[in-house]
Protein backbone atom coordinates (compact mmCIF):
# COMPACT_ATOMS: atom_id res chain seq x y z
CA UNK A 1 174.20 -8.74 -115.52
CA UNK A 2 175.23 -5.32 -114.31
CA UNK A 3 178.88 -4.90 -113.59
CA UNK A 4 179.77 -4.81 -109.93
CA UNK A 5 182.29 -2.48 -108.44
CA UNK A 6 183.84 -2.28 -104.99
CA UNK A 7 183.78 0.84 -102.84
CA UNK A 8 184.73 1.50 -99.24
CA UNK A 9 182.21 3.23 -96.95
CA UNK A 10 182.99 4.97 -93.66
CA UNK A 11 180.93 3.70 -90.71
CA UNK A 12 181.14 7.11 -89.00
CA UNK A 13 180.19 9.65 -91.65
CA UNK A 14 178.99 7.48 -94.55
CA UNK A 15 181.65 8.86 -96.91
CA UNK A 16 183.01 6.64 -99.67
CA UNK A 17 186.42 5.96 -101.17
CA UNK A 18 187.32 3.97 -104.31
CA UNK A 19 190.08 2.19 -102.37
CA UNK A 20 190.81 1.23 -98.80
CA UNK A 21 192.56 3.84 -96.67
CA UNK A 22 193.56 3.72 -93.02
CA UNK A 23 192.04 7.17 -92.49
CA UNK A 24 188.65 8.29 -93.83
CA UNK A 25 189.21 11.19 -96.28
CA UNK A 26 185.90 12.80 -95.26
CA UNK A 27 185.85 12.81 -91.44
CA UNK A 28 189.42 11.79 -90.59
CA UNK A 29 188.41 8.74 -88.47
CA UNK A 30 190.83 5.81 -88.45
CA UNK A 31 190.01 2.22 -89.46
CA UNK A 32 186.35 2.95 -90.28
CA UNK A 33 186.25 2.07 -94.01
CA UNK A 34 184.31 -1.11 -94.81
CA UNK A 35 184.23 -2.77 -98.23
CA UNK A 36 180.90 -2.59 -100.05
CA UNK A 37 179.88 -4.14 -103.37
CA UNK A 38 177.41 -2.01 -105.32
CA UNK A 39 175.86 -2.22 -108.74
CA UNK A 40 176.94 0.32 -111.30
CA UNK A 41 174.60 1.89 -113.81
CA UNK A 42 171.91 4.55 -114.04
CA UNK A 43 169.47 2.50 -111.92
CA UNK A 44 171.76 2.72 -108.91
CA UNK A 45 170.84 6.11 -107.54
CA UNK A 46 170.13 6.49 -103.86
CA UNK A 47 168.14 9.66 -104.46
CA UNK A 48 165.62 7.93 -106.72
CA UNK A 49 162.41 6.43 -105.39
CA UNK A 50 162.15 2.65 -105.00
CA UNK A 51 160.45 0.99 -107.93
CA UNK A 52 156.67 1.04 -107.72
CA UNK A 53 156.48 3.81 -105.17
CA UNK A 54 155.72 7.42 -105.96
CA UNK A 55 154.69 8.88 -102.61
CA UNK A 56 157.49 11.45 -102.42
CA UNK A 57 157.31 15.11 -101.48
CA UNK A 58 156.97 17.49 -104.42
CA UNK A 59 159.59 20.16 -104.96
CA UNK A 60 158.74 23.45 -103.28
CA UNK A 61 159.40 26.90 -104.73
CA UNK A 62 162.05 29.16 -103.24
CA UNK A 63 160.43 31.64 -100.83
CA UNK A 64 161.74 34.17 -98.31
CA UNK A 65 161.45 32.96 -94.73
CA UNK A 66 159.06 35.79 -93.82
CA UNK A 67 156.60 34.60 -96.50
CA UNK A 68 156.33 31.08 -95.08
CA UNK A 69 153.49 30.61 -92.60
CA UNK A 70 154.63 28.95 -89.39
CA UNK A 71 152.25 26.33 -88.06
CA UNK A 72 152.13 24.57 -84.73
CA UNK A 73 153.04 20.90 -84.88
CA UNK A 74 150.03 18.68 -84.27
CA UNK A 75 150.69 15.79 -81.89
CA UNK A 76 148.83 12.55 -81.37
CA UNK A 77 149.09 11.03 -77.86
CA UNK A 78 150.49 7.50 -77.97
CA UNK A 79 148.39 6.37 -75.03
CA UNK A 80 151.50 5.97 -72.83
CA UNK A 81 152.13 9.14 -70.81
CA UNK A 82 155.85 8.55 -70.17
CA UNK A 83 156.50 7.90 -73.87
CA UNK A 84 154.59 11.06 -74.79
CA UNK A 85 156.75 13.04 -72.35
CA UNK A 86 159.94 11.88 -74.09
CA UNK A 87 158.51 12.54 -77.55
CA UNK A 88 157.54 16.09 -76.56
CA UNK A 89 153.80 15.52 -76.23
CA UNK A 90 153.03 12.74 -78.68
CA UNK A 91 153.65 11.43 -82.17
CA UNK A 92 154.08 14.07 -84.89
CA UNK A 93 152.56 13.61 -88.33
CA UNK A 94 155.37 12.76 -90.76
CA UNK A 95 157.92 12.50 -87.94
CA UNK A 96 160.62 9.85 -87.93
CA UNK A 97 161.68 8.38 -84.57
CA UNK A 98 164.72 6.16 -84.02
CA UNK A 99 164.75 4.12 -80.80
CA UNK A 100 167.74 2.02 -79.74
CA UNK A 101 168.74 -0.06 -76.76
CA UNK A 102 170.30 -3.30 -75.58
CA UNK A 103 168.72 -6.61 -76.65
CA UNK A 104 165.84 -7.59 -74.39
CA UNK A 105 165.53 -4.13 -72.82
CA UNK A 106 161.89 -3.74 -73.95
CA UNK A 107 161.89 -1.80 -77.25
CA UNK A 108 159.50 -4.11 -79.10
CA UNK A 109 157.31 -4.50 -76.02
CA UNK A 110 156.87 -0.75 -75.58
CA UNK A 111 156.17 -0.13 -79.27
CA UNK A 112 153.64 -2.95 -79.48
CA UNK A 113 151.81 -1.49 -76.48
CA UNK A 114 151.88 1.99 -78.03
CA UNK A 115 150.64 0.73 -81.40
CA UNK A 116 147.77 -1.11 -79.74
CA UNK A 117 146.78 2.04 -77.83
CA UNK A 118 146.87 4.10 -81.05
CA UNK A 119 144.78 1.47 -82.88
CA UNK A 120 142.19 1.50 -80.10
CA UNK A 121 142.10 5.30 -80.38
CA UNK A 122 141.04 4.97 -84.02
CA UNK A 123 144.35 5.44 -85.85
CA UNK A 124 145.32 2.85 -88.50
CA UNK A 125 148.70 1.33 -87.59
CA UNK A 126 151.17 -1.07 -89.22
CA UNK A 127 153.81 -3.07 -87.35
CA UNK A 128 156.55 -4.40 -89.64
CA UNK A 129 158.62 -7.12 -88.00
CA UNK A 130 161.83 -8.35 -89.56
CA UNK A 131 163.31 -10.16 -86.58
CA UNK A 132 160.33 -12.23 -85.46
CA UNK A 133 157.57 -14.17 -87.14
CA UNK A 134 153.95 -13.17 -86.87
CA UNK A 135 153.33 -16.03 -84.45
CA UNK A 136 156.08 -14.76 -82.11
CA UNK A 137 154.61 -11.26 -82.08
CA UNK A 138 151.14 -12.70 -81.43
CA UNK A 139 152.57 -14.68 -78.51
CA UNK A 140 154.07 -11.49 -77.05
CA UNK A 141 150.74 -9.69 -77.42
CA UNK A 142 149.09 -12.50 -75.47
CA UNK A 143 151.62 -12.09 -72.66
CA UNK A 144 150.91 -8.35 -72.63
CA UNK A 145 147.16 -8.93 -72.39
CA UNK A 146 146.38 -7.42 -75.81
CA UNK A 147 145.67 -10.64 -77.73
CA UNK A 148 142.56 -9.04 -79.25
CA UNK A 149 144.56 -6.21 -80.80
CA UNK A 150 143.65 -5.05 -84.33
CA UNK A 151 147.17 -3.75 -85.11
CA UNK A 152 148.07 -4.74 -88.67
CA UNK A 153 151.20 -6.91 -88.77
CA UNK A 154 153.59 -7.48 -91.68
CA UNK A 155 156.53 -9.88 -91.43
CA UNK A 156 158.82 -8.54 -94.17
CA UNK A 157 162.37 -7.22 -94.59
CA UNK A 158 162.39 -6.11 -98.26
CA UNK A 159 162.08 -2.33 -98.49
CA UNK A 160 160.16 -2.28 -101.77
CA UNK A 161 157.46 -4.62 -100.45
CA UNK A 162 157.19 -2.62 -97.22
CA UNK A 163 156.76 0.65 -99.10
CA UNK A 164 154.17 -0.91 -101.44
CA UNK A 165 152.17 -2.15 -98.43
CA UNK A 166 152.35 1.27 -96.77
CA UNK A 167 151.24 2.92 -100.02
CA UNK A 168 148.25 0.58 -100.26
CA UNK A 169 147.17 0.73 -96.59
CA UNK A 170 148.02 4.38 -95.78
CA UNK A 171 148.42 3.85 -92.02
CA UNK A 172 148.95 6.77 -89.66
CA UNK A 173 151.91 5.18 -87.84
CA UNK A 174 154.40 2.55 -89.02
CA UNK A 175 156.94 0.68 -86.89
CA UNK A 176 159.98 -0.87 -88.60
CA UNK A 177 161.50 -3.51 -86.29
CA UNK A 178 164.32 -3.23 -87.11
CA UNK A 179 166.11 -1.00 -89.61
CA UNK A 180 169.16 -3.32 -89.54
CA UNK A 181 167.13 -6.23 -90.96
CA UNK A 182 165.61 -4.18 -93.80
CA UNK A 183 167.23 -4.31 -97.23
CA UNK A 184 166.64 -2.86 -100.69
CA UNK A 185 166.91 -4.74 -103.99
CA UNK A 186 168.70 -1.72 -105.45
CA UNK A 187 171.81 -2.66 -103.46
CA UNK A 188 173.72 -5.92 -103.48
CA UNK A 189 175.19 -5.56 -100.00
CA UNK A 190 173.81 -7.61 -97.11
CA UNK A 191 171.10 -6.37 -94.70
CA UNK A 192 172.61 -4.46 -91.82
CA UNK A 193 175.52 -3.10 -93.86
CA UNK A 194 176.29 0.60 -93.83
CA UNK A 195 174.92 1.15 -97.33
CA UNK A 196 171.68 -0.78 -96.70
CA UNK A 197 170.94 0.94 -93.38
CA UNK A 198 171.59 4.38 -94.88
CA UNK A 199 169.55 3.80 -98.03
CA UNK A 200 166.57 2.16 -96.32
CA UNK A 201 166.43 4.88 -93.67
CA UNK A 202 166.65 7.59 -96.34
CA UNK A 203 163.74 6.13 -98.35
CA UNK A 204 161.59 5.63 -95.25
CA UNK A 205 162.30 9.19 -94.14
CA UNK A 206 161.37 10.61 -97.54
CA UNK A 207 158.19 8.51 -97.52
CA UNK A 208 157.26 9.89 -94.10
CA UNK A 209 157.84 13.50 -95.14
CA UNK A 210 155.96 13.06 -98.42
CA UNK A 211 152.88 11.31 -97.03
CA UNK A 212 152.63 12.53 -93.43
CA UNK A 213 152.92 8.99 -92.07
CA UNK A 214 154.80 8.78 -88.77
CA UNK A 215 157.61 6.20 -88.86
CA UNK A 216 159.28 4.61 -85.83
CA UNK A 217 162.55 2.79 -86.51
CA UNK A 218 164.04 0.29 -84.09
CA UNK A 219 167.85 0.31 -84.16
CA UNK A 220 170.45 -2.11 -82.86
CA UNK A 221 173.28 -0.91 -80.61
CA UNK A 222 176.96 -1.79 -80.54
CA UNK A 223 178.77 -3.27 -77.55
CA UNK A 224 179.74 0.29 -76.56
CA UNK A 225 176.04 1.21 -76.36
CA UNK A 226 175.94 3.47 -79.46
CA UNK A 227 173.46 2.97 -82.28
CA UNK A 228 174.81 0.57 -84.88
CA UNK A 229 175.22 1.70 -88.48
CA UNK A 230 176.39 5.00 -89.94
CA UNK A 231 176.19 8.07 -87.71
CA UNK A 232 174.29 9.80 -90.52
CA UNK A 233 171.31 7.65 -89.46
CA UNK A 234 170.85 9.83 -86.38
CA UNK A 235 171.05 12.98 -88.50
CA UNK A 236 168.30 11.79 -90.86
CA UNK A 237 165.60 11.23 -88.26
CA UNK A 238 163.69 13.79 -86.20
CA UNK A 239 163.94 12.10 -82.81
CA UNK A 240 166.49 9.72 -81.29
CA UNK A 241 165.53 7.78 -78.16
CA UNK A 242 167.76 5.51 -76.09
CA UNK A 243 166.52 2.73 -73.82
CA UNK A 244 168.63 2.61 -70.66
CA UNK A 245 168.66 0.35 -67.65
CA UNK A 246 169.84 -3.04 -66.49
CA UNK A 247 167.93 -5.99 -67.94
CA UNK A 248 168.08 -7.53 -64.43
CA UNK A 249 166.38 -4.48 -62.92
CA UNK A 250 162.67 -3.75 -62.93
CA UNK A 251 163.04 -0.15 -64.05
CA UNK A 252 163.81 1.24 -67.51
CA UNK A 253 164.62 4.76 -68.67
CA UNK A 254 163.86 6.14 -72.14
CA UNK A 255 165.98 9.21 -72.86
CA UNK A 256 165.60 11.67 -75.76
CA UNK A 257 169.04 12.41 -77.22
CA UNK A 258 167.68 14.41 -80.15
CA UNK A 259 164.22 15.85 -80.71
CA UNK A 260 163.27 18.39 -83.35
CA UNK A 261 159.78 18.66 -81.86
CA UNK A 262 160.55 18.76 -78.14
CA UNK A 263 163.12 18.99 -75.37
CA UNK A 264 166.28 16.89 -75.44
CA UNK A 265 167.49 14.92 -72.41
CA UNK A 266 163.87 14.36 -71.41
CA UNK A 267 163.39 10.97 -69.77
CA UNK A 268 160.50 8.60 -69.34
CA UNK A 269 160.58 6.11 -66.47
CA UNK A 270 158.99 2.68 -66.85
CA UNK A 271 158.63 -0.42 -64.72
CA UNK A 272 158.71 -3.84 -66.38
CA UNK A 273 155.76 -5.93 -65.21
CA UNK A 274 154.11 -9.17 -66.28
CA UNK A 275 151.80 -7.09 -68.50
CA UNK A 276 154.60 -5.11 -70.16
CA UNK A 277 156.02 -1.68 -69.44
CA UNK A 278 154.08 0.64 -67.13
CA UNK A 279 154.86 4.33 -66.63
CA UNK A 280 156.12 5.39 -63.20
CA UNK A 281 154.17 8.44 -62.00
CA UNK A 282 156.61 9.35 -59.19
CA UNK A 283 160.10 8.45 -60.50
CA UNK A 284 161.88 10.20 -57.61
CA UNK A 285 160.82 7.31 -55.37
CA UNK A 286 162.98 4.79 -57.26
CA UNK A 287 166.09 6.98 -57.01
CA UNK A 288 165.83 7.40 -53.23
CA UNK A 289 166.87 4.58 -50.91
CA UNK A 290 164.61 3.90 -47.97
CA UNK A 291 166.82 4.09 -44.86
CA UNK A 292 165.21 3.52 -41.48
CA UNK A 293 167.77 5.94 -40.04
CA UNK A 294 170.07 8.48 -41.78
CA UNK A 295 173.38 6.86 -42.77
CA UNK A 296 176.80 8.44 -43.36
CA UNK A 297 177.78 9.06 -46.97
CA UNK A 298 174.28 9.77 -48.30
CA UNK A 299 173.07 13.10 -49.67
CA UNK A 300 169.99 13.83 -51.79
CA UNK A 301 170.07 16.29 -54.70
CA UNK A 302 167.53 17.55 -57.22
CA UNK A 303 168.57 17.08 -60.83
CA UNK A 304 166.80 18.17 -64.01
CA UNK A 305 166.06 15.65 -66.74
CA UNK A 306 164.58 17.68 -69.55
CA UNK A 307 161.62 19.50 -68.01
CA UNK A 308 161.27 17.19 -65.02
CA UNK A 309 162.98 17.73 -61.63
CA UNK A 310 164.06 14.42 -60.06
CA UNK A 311 165.32 13.75 -56.56
CA UNK A 312 168.32 11.42 -56.65
CA UNK A 313 170.35 10.03 -53.78
CA UNK A 314 174.13 10.38 -54.07
CA UNK A 315 176.03 7.81 -52.04
CA UNK A 316 179.74 7.98 -51.21
CA UNK A 317 182.05 5.53 -49.50
CA UNK A 318 185.46 6.70 -48.30
CA UNK A 319 187.80 4.00 -47.06
CA UNK A 320 191.51 3.72 -46.36
CA UNK A 321 193.42 3.03 -49.57
CA UNK A 322 196.88 1.85 -50.48
CA UNK A 323 199.72 3.76 -52.10
CA UNK A 324 197.50 4.35 -55.17
CA UNK A 325 194.00 5.22 -53.88
CA UNK A 326 191.14 4.57 -56.27
CA UNK A 327 188.55 7.06 -57.51
CA UNK A 328 185.42 5.39 -58.88
CA UNK A 329 182.06 6.92 -59.78
CA UNK A 330 178.94 5.31 -61.22
CA UNK A 331 176.41 7.58 -62.92
CA UNK A 332 178.66 10.65 -62.52
CA UNK A 333 181.66 12.07 -64.37
CA UNK A 334 184.85 10.34 -63.16
CA UNK A 335 187.12 13.24 -64.10
CA UNK A 336 184.88 15.68 -62.25
CA UNK A 337 185.15 13.56 -59.11
CA UNK A 338 188.93 14.03 -59.06
CA UNK A 339 188.48 17.78 -59.47
CA UNK A 340 185.97 17.98 -56.61
CA UNK A 341 188.32 16.10 -54.29
CA UNK A 342 191.05 18.64 -55.04
CA UNK A 343 188.66 21.56 -54.34
CA UNK A 344 187.50 19.86 -51.15
CA UNK A 345 191.08 19.61 -49.92
CA UNK A 346 192.22 23.10 -50.91
CA UNK A 347 189.19 25.16 -49.86
CA UNK A 348 187.46 23.07 -47.16
CA UNK A 349 190.45 21.35 -45.57
CA UNK A 350 189.04 17.85 -46.13
CA UNK A 351 191.88 15.58 -47.27
CA UNK A 352 191.21 12.31 -49.11
CA UNK A 353 194.57 11.79 -50.82
CA UNK A 354 195.21 8.48 -49.01
CA UNK A 355 191.61 7.25 -49.19
CA UNK A 356 189.66 5.20 -51.72
CA UNK A 357 186.62 7.20 -52.82
CA UNK A 358 183.56 5.54 -54.39
CA UNK A 359 180.54 7.59 -55.51
CA UNK A 360 177.26 6.24 -56.86
CA UNK A 361 173.98 7.71 -58.13
CA UNK A 362 171.25 5.42 -56.80
CA UNK A 363 168.81 3.80 -59.21
CA UNK A 364 171.10 3.61 -62.25
CA UNK A 365 170.41 7.21 -63.29
CA UNK A 366 173.18 9.13 -65.08
CA UNK A 367 173.77 12.71 -63.95
CA UNK A 368 175.68 14.87 -66.40
CA UNK A 369 174.89 18.33 -65.04
CA UNK A 370 177.38 20.04 -62.67
CA UNK A 371 174.61 20.85 -60.18
CA UNK A 372 175.48 17.55 -58.47
CA UNK A 373 178.86 18.91 -57.30
CA UNK A 374 177.75 20.14 -53.87
CA UNK A 375 175.84 16.95 -53.05
CA UNK A 376 178.85 14.82 -54.06
CA UNK A 377 181.20 16.83 -51.82
CA UNK A 378 178.84 16.69 -48.84
CA UNK A 379 178.30 12.94 -49.19
CA UNK A 380 182.09 12.37 -49.35
CA UNK A 381 182.62 14.50 -46.24
CA UNK A 382 179.81 12.68 -44.45
CA UNK A 383 181.33 9.28 -45.20
CA UNK A 384 184.86 10.37 -44.25
CA UNK A 385 183.75 11.71 -40.87
CA UNK A 386 181.24 8.93 -40.23
CA UNK A 387 178.49 11.44 -39.49
CA UNK A 388 175.14 11.21 -41.27
CA UNK A 389 173.39 14.23 -42.70
CA UNK A 390 170.05 15.01 -41.01
CA UNK A 391 166.83 13.47 -42.26
CA UNK A 392 165.08 15.51 -44.95
CA UNK A 393 168.34 17.16 -46.07
CA UNK A 394 169.23 17.97 -49.69
CA UNK A 395 171.77 20.06 -51.56
CA UNK A 396 172.56 21.11 -55.12
CA UNK A 397 174.88 23.57 -56.82
CA UNK A 398 177.90 23.72 -59.12
CA UNK A 399 181.31 24.10 -57.48
CA UNK A 400 184.14 25.97 -59.21
CA UNK A 401 187.88 25.49 -58.86
CA UNK A 402 188.08 28.65 -56.75
CA UNK A 403 185.68 27.12 -54.22
CA UNK A 404 182.68 29.22 -55.22
CA UNK A 405 179.18 27.68 -55.35
CA UNK A 406 177.47 28.63 -58.60
CA UNK A 407 173.72 28.62 -59.23
CA UNK A 408 171.88 25.79 -60.96
CA UNK A 409 169.26 26.46 -63.63
CA UNK A 410 165.60 26.50 -62.57
CA UNK A 411 166.41 26.41 -58.87
CA UNK A 412 162.86 27.39 -57.84
CA UNK A 413 161.38 24.31 -59.51
CA UNK A 414 163.95 22.07 -57.81
CA UNK A 415 163.12 23.45 -54.37
CA UNK A 416 159.35 23.20 -54.91
CA UNK A 417 159.72 19.55 -55.95
CA UNK A 418 161.78 18.83 -52.82
CA UNK A 419 159.23 20.54 -50.56
CA UNK A 420 156.42 18.58 -52.21
CA UNK A 421 158.17 15.31 -51.30
CA UNK A 422 158.63 16.31 -47.67
CA UNK A 423 162.22 17.56 -47.50
CA UNK A 424 162.81 20.16 -44.81
CA UNK A 425 166.43 21.43 -45.08
CA UNK A 426 168.26 22.56 -48.22
CA UNK A 427 171.75 23.95 -48.88
CA UNK A 428 171.69 25.80 -52.20
CA UNK A 429 173.67 28.49 -54.03
CA UNK A 430 172.84 32.02 -52.89
CA UNK A 431 171.58 32.95 -56.37
CA UNK A 432 169.00 30.13 -56.17
CA UNK A 433 167.55 31.28 -52.85
CA UNK A 434 163.85 32.10 -53.39
CA UNK A 435 162.59 35.61 -52.64
CA UNK A 436 159.53 34.17 -50.91
CA UNK A 437 159.92 31.38 -48.33
CA UNK A 438 158.76 27.90 -49.32
CA UNK A 439 156.47 26.37 -46.72
CA UNK A 440 158.07 23.55 -44.77
CA UNK A 441 161.55 24.06 -46.26
CA UNK A 442 164.43 25.75 -44.44
CA UNK A 443 166.90 27.08 -47.01
CA UNK A 444 170.57 27.84 -46.30
CA UNK A 445 172.03 29.95 -49.12
CA UNK A 446 175.83 29.72 -49.50
CA UNK A 447 178.41 31.32 -51.78
CA UNK A 448 181.44 29.12 -51.04
CA UNK A 449 182.23 25.52 -50.17
CA UNK A 450 183.50 26.51 -46.73
CA UNK A 451 180.11 28.04 -45.90
CA UNK A 452 178.32 24.83 -46.94
CA UNK A 453 180.59 22.78 -44.67
CA UNK A 454 179.95 25.15 -41.76
CA UNK A 455 176.18 24.89 -42.28
CA UNK A 456 176.32 21.10 -42.25
CA UNK A 457 178.44 21.03 -39.10
CA UNK A 458 175.85 23.17 -37.33
CA UNK A 459 172.86 21.00 -38.24
C-alpha cells in the first residue's frame, strides 16, 4: 500500500503546508488550514489525466498575439430567456459555469428545465446527479411537466466513471450536481474536502476545454452565503452565478458575479410556480409596491443591473429614537446610509440625529451602485416630514460629501425606461439631463442636494 502523508490545505487560496500553522503562508489568512491525507508517489499528480481518459487539450505552440486569429464566441440558447441573459446570450462551447445558492432555492429545478429545453432543441445532454437518485430526479421532472424528457441521467459521484461516460457519450452539455459530492480515486480525502473539490473541478475544466463540451457545476454555499470549497474554484471556471432570494418568496434572482463571455452583475428574474421557474418579462413590476395613494417615505429610482435598467422602490421610515438612534438598511450599504444622513444634515438642513432611520429596497433586490443616494435622501426627508412625493415621481444620482449631485452612468437609458413605465417627474443630476425632451417625462436637473430639496418642496 502506498504510504500516506499528512498535509494542511488552505480553504481560501488552496495553498499547502507540511504542518499546521495559525496563518496561511501563501495568502496570510488566519485559521484556514485543514488537515488532508494524500497518497504519496508518482501516481499522485493533480496535473495528470484521470486513468482511462485522454480527452485533454493538446499543447499549443508559442505565437505572437497578432498572429492569433480572434473568433467570435458561438452561443447556444438554453431555451430560458432569463438564464441566457445572465450567461451573456447562451451556453458557450467548452465553457464552465458554476452556479451556487441556498438549499431549496431552485438550482436543480432550473438546470433540469434548461437541459430538457436543450435536448428538445436537438443537443445531446447529460445530467449527473450525486445528491439524488434517478427516481427522485424523475419525480421532479414529473412535477415540472417534463416527464417525457429524453435527457440522459447518470447517478454517480466517482470522477473517473463520470469522465468515462462523458467520453463515450460525447454530449454537448453536462451538468454536475454537485461538485461537492464528486470525488476522485486518486485522492484519499473525503468528498467535499478542499483537495477533492479542487481536483475534480480542475479535471472537469480541462475536459471541457479539450473537448468543447459545456460543463455546468452546482456548488454548495456556506452559512455566510459564499460558495463552499477553495476560492480557487471560482477562478477556474468561466462563469459564476449566484441564486438569490428568500425561499419563502415567489421570486428568485440569478446574478452573474463573474463572466468571461458576458457582462458581470447581470441578473435574471424568475418566479417559482407549480411547473418550475418561469422568467419574469417585466421585473420592475415586482420591485414596485402598488399603493392606492402616494405614501410618505417612498421614492422610486432606476438602477442598472448589468445591461438592464430596473425601477426599484426605496422605502424609508424615520421615527423618534432613544439616546442611541438606530441606522438600519436592507438591500443598501449600511455605512453609506450614515454618510448620507450626515450630508443631509450639513447641506440640506434636515436633522435626523435623534431619530431611528430604517431604509429598505423593496422586493429583496440588492443595490450596490451609488446612484441610489438621491432617492434614499428624498425618501428619508419624505418620511421625516410626513409628506408623500407626488405620483409618478422618481430620482437617481450619486451624492458627494460636499453636497454635489454626480451623474449616474447610462442616464438616458434609465430615463427612457421610466418614461416607458409611465413615470412623469424625475429629479436627476444635471449631467444626465437629456438634450432632447423625453415625451411624457418632466425632468428637473440639479447640481446640489439643496436644489433637489427645493424642487421636491415645489411639487
